Amino acid sequence: MTDRDELLGRLFTAGRELSNAAVMFHTALAAHQGLTATEEKALDLLERLGPLTARQLGEHSGLAPASVTGLIDRLERKGFARRVRNPEDKRSVLVETVPDRLAALAPLFDDYVASLTELVTRYDDRELAAIVDFLGEAAARQRQSTHRLLDG
């Protein structure tokens, strides 16, 4: 086994560990607010991307249309999201977050964000750029794999 093979093995193991840690963190965070992990991640999409139609939310989340409808219904019942008229197409609605309810989630990230802020001090700008590139590309490839699983 070459040094590169060993390094790649460590990289893929670290990626799996990060994935597991992320799922567990978001599950715990969501439960703290009476949400499921899927609901919390949908709120993240809406916060980052802005109001979306149900179809767009399905495309970004990989959820089936019926699942998206149920998801939106639950988020509305829990007070985290609402349906609003789409100003660009009066026949459709957008789903948007309820800012006050979403703000309640922010403090739950404080400890983790502070820890990451300390962690990034280990890396110079070139290394951080490489990390950003890798994570962004890995996320894109995982979304592509998700779509292939759902379509296949």
Protein backbone atom coordinates (compact mmCIF):
# COMPACT_ATOMS: atom_id res chain seq x y z
CA MET A 1 0.00 0.00 0.00
CA THR A 2 1.39 3.40 -0.99
CA ASP A 3 1.40 6.48 1.18
CA ARG A 4 -1.30 7.93 -1.11
CA ASP A 5 -3.48 4.82 -0.73
CA GLU A 6 -3.18 5.13 3.04
CA LEU A 7 -3.98 8.84 2.91
CA LEU A 8 -7.00 8.23 0.68
CA GLY A 9 -8.22 5.55 3.05
CA ARG A 10 -7.91 7.97 5.95
CA LEU A 11 -9.70 10.66 3.92
CA PHE A 12 -12.66 8.41 3.09
CA THR A 13 -12.87 7.22 6.71
CA ALA A 14 -12.79 10.83 7.94
CA GLY A 15 -15.55 11.67 5.45
CA ARG A 16 -17.71 8.87 6.78
CA GLU A 17 -17.05 9.99 10.34
CA LEU A 18 -17.97 13.59 9.42
CA SER A 19 -21.16 12.39 7.73
CA ASN A 20 -22.15 10.35 10.79
CA ALA A 21 -21.36 13.22 13.14
CA ALA A 22 -23.39 15.63 10.99
CA VAL A 23 -26.42 13.35 10.94
CA MET A 24 -26.27 12.85 14.72
CA PHE A 25 -25.74 16.56 15.40
CA HIS A 26 -28.65 17.63 13.22
CA THR A 27 -30.88 14.92 14.62
CA ALA A 28 -30.14 16.10 18.18
CA LEU A 29 -30.50 19.76 17.24
CA ALA A 30 -33.80 19.12 15.47
CA ALA A 31 -35.19 17.06 18.36
CA HIS A 32 -34.33 19.93 20.70
CA GLN A 33 -36.88 22.03 18.78
CA GLY A 34 -39.46 19.29 18.17
CA LEU A 35 -38.35 18.78 14.56
CA THR A 36 -37.07 15.84 12.59
CA ALA A 37 -33.63 16.01 10.96
CA THR A 38 -35.33 16.25 7.55
CA GLU A 39 -37.41 19.21 8.73
CA GLU A 40 -34.35 20.96 10.14
CA LYS A 41 -32.38 20.43 6.91
CA ALA A 42 -35.33 21.72 4.85
CA LEU A 43 -35.30 24.87 6.99
CA ASP A 44 -31.58 25.19 6.26
CA LEU A 45 -32.30 25.02 2.52
CA LEU A 46 -35.02 27.66 2.83
CA GLU A 47 -32.77 29.91 4.92
CA ARG A 48 -29.85 29.66 2.49
CA LEU A 49 -31.77 29.71 -0.79
CA GLY A 50 -34.73 31.89 0.17
CA PRO A 51 -38.37 31.08 -0.44
CA LEU A 52 -38.90 28.08 -2.73
CA THR A 53 -41.82 26.42 -4.42
CA ALA A 54 -42.62 22.91 -3.24
CA ARG A 55 -41.15 21.59 -6.47
CA GLN A 56 -37.89 23.50 -5.93
CA LEU A 57 -37.70 22.28 -2.33
CA GLY A 58 -38.12 18.74 -3.64
CA GLU A 59 -35.37 19.23 -6.21
CA HIS A 60 -32.93 20.60 -3.63
CA SER A 61 -33.79 18.04 -0.95
CA GLY A 62 -34.23 14.99 -3.16
CA LEU A 63 -37.63 14.28 -1.60
CA ALA A 64 -40.60 13.00 -3.61
CA PRO A 65 -43.47 15.48 -4.20
CA ALA A 66 -45.82 13.77 -1.72
CA SER A 67 -43.07 13.82 0.92
CA VAL A 68 -42.45 17.53 0.30
CA THR A 69 -46.14 18.34 0.78
CA GLY A 70 -46.18 16.49 4.11
CA LEU A 71 -42.92 18.16 5.12
CA ILE A 72 -44.29 21.64 4.40
CA ASP A 73 -47.51 20.84 6.26
CA ARG A 74 -45.52 19.75 9.34
CA LEU A 75 -43.25 22.82 9.23
CA GLU A 76 -46.33 25.05 9.02
CA ARG A 77 -48.05 23.27 11.93
CA LYS A 78 -44.90 23.68 14.02
CA GLY A 79 -44.69 27.38 13.13
CA PHE A 80 -41.31 27.25 11.33
CA ALA A 81 -42.50 27.87 7.77
CA ARG A 82 -45.43 29.32 5.91
CA ARG A 83 -46.87 29.28 2.42
CA VAL A 84 -47.05 32.67 0.72
CA ARG A 85 -48.25 33.80 -2.68
CA ASN A 86 -45.56 33.66 -5.35
CA PRO A 87 -45.16 37.26 -6.65
CA GLU A 88 -43.81 35.95 -9.97
CA ASP A 89 -46.60 33.42 -10.56
CA LYS A 90 -49.91 34.07 -8.82
CA ARG A 91 -50.96 30.44 -9.45
CA SER A 92 -48.21 29.05 -7.23
CA VAL A 93 -47.06 29.48 -3.68
CA LEU A 94 -43.66 29.76 -2.09
CA VAL A 95 -42.55 28.26 1.18
CA GLU A 96 -40.61 30.62 3.42
CA THR A 97 -39.24 30.41 6.94
CA VAL A 98 -40.73 32.23 9.91
CA PRO A 99 -37.74 34.34 10.97
CA ASP A 100 -38.57 34.47 14.70
CA ARG A 101 -38.90 30.70 14.92
CA LEU A 102 -35.74 30.14 12.88
CA ALA A 103 -33.85 32.54 15.15
CA ALA A 104 -34.55 30.15 18.03
CA LEU A 105 -32.34 27.57 16.30
CA ALA A 106 -29.32 29.87 15.91
CA PRO A 107 -28.05 29.70 19.53
CA LEU A 108 -27.96 25.91 19.29
CA PHE A 109 -25.14 26.26 16.75
CA ASP A 110 -23.03 28.68 18.83
CA ASP A 111 -20.80 26.09 20.52
CA TYR A 112 -20.15 24.22 17.28
CA VAL A 113 -19.45 27.39 15.28
CA ALA A 114 -17.04 28.63 17.97
CA SER A 115 -15.23 25.29 17.83
CA LEU A 116 -14.96 25.45 14.01
CA THR A 117 -13.76 29.05 14.19
CA GLU A 118 -10.92 27.87 16.41
CA LEU A 119 -10.21 24.91 14.13
CA VAL A 120 -9.73 27.00 10.97
CA THR A 121 -6.84 28.85 12.61
CA ARG A 122 -4.74 25.70 11.95
CA TYR A 123 -4.87 26.26 8.19
CA ASP A 124 -3.48 28.95 5.89
CA ASP A 125 -5.57 30.51 3.12
CA ARG A 126 -4.30 28.10 0.46
CA GLU A 127 -5.19 25.09 2.58
CA LEU A 128 -8.60 26.54 3.41
CA ALA A 129 -9.25 27.12 -0.29
CA ALA A 130 -8.43 23.47 -0.97
CA ILE A 131 -10.76 22.35 1.84
CA VAL A 132 -13.57 24.57 0.52
CA ASP A 133 -13.04 23.22 -2.99
CA PHE A 134 -13.06 19.60 -1.81
CA LEU A 135 -16.14 19.97 0.42
CA GLY A 136 -18.09 21.84 -2.25
CA GLU A 137 -17.24 19.29 -4.93
CA ALA A 138 -17.93 16.36 -2.58
CA ALA A 139 -21.37 17.83 -1.74
CA ALA A 140 -22.18 18.29 -5.44
CA ARG A 141 -21.18 14.70 -6.18
CA GLN A 142 -23.25 13.42 -3.27
CA ARG A 143 -26.29 15.33 -4.56
CA GLN A 144 -25.72 13.77 -8.00
CA SER A 145 -25.54 10.30 -6.44
CA THR A 146 -28.75 11.03 -4.51
CA HIS A 147 -30.56 11.95 -7.70
CA ARG A 148 -29.29 8.80 -9.43
CA LEU A 149 -30.56 6.69 -6.53
CA LEU A 150 -33.96 8.35 -6.66
CA ASP A 151 -34.24 8.19 -10.44
CA GLY A 152 -32.92 4.66 -10.80
